[in-house]
């Protein structure tokens, strides 16, 4: 009897997890108008670290990258999103960054925790922050390569462990399962419209700018992110930029 109840509980948890993934994917696509697609996912296995479902044994982003379909297939269409996750209910949710969607900056988890503490101390307002056991990802407002280039040109050293996800890039969103562990919100998305403003205004419709989370400008974060990435001595080389 206990064995049967245990199996039912595990099945219920799996189903609730799958439901959470498709609900999240639909929110990102239809309410926030962020183009998404399913990630490659993980191979069945035992233990905390599981292998990527792709053909590369040394994959740098286990489970959390596009494979089939490719990144260009990312969409905000609800019917396509439902079809994808009906067929692959445990697939990670991958956001195609750039365009009108969010961009991002990611760094190793230790450096990410220190950076958030430093930004909080400086009074900088943060947007959504995605955390996995390996890396933390700060979502930011869309930026161009030209703007990013100017910001990085001011830095004497940019650690290779600091990654920028703009046009043509991607990041994994909660509650996706990745090789290092499940993605979660370290800082939950907050509405773009302040609470005081929302109390007097009609509720934002799905897909309207006010329905999307508030995102900071990358310029307000990059100095601290570079400093903390370098201070933690994370691996990955770097670049010395000439002035």
Foldseek 3Di string as FASTA:
>chain_A
DVVVVVVVVVVVVVVVQLVVQLVVLLQCQWFAVFFKDFFQAFDDDDDQFTAANDPDRPDPWRLKAHDVPHPVPGHSDSVVSCVRCVVVSQTFIKTQAADQHWKKKKAFPVLVVVLVVVCVVVVHDFFWWKDFNTMIMGTAGADDPVVVVVLCLPDQKAAQRIDIRYHRGMGTAPQHATRNGGIDTPPDFDFPDDPVVPVPDDDDDRPDNRSHGDGHHVSSRPVSSRVSNVVVVDDGGIDGHDD
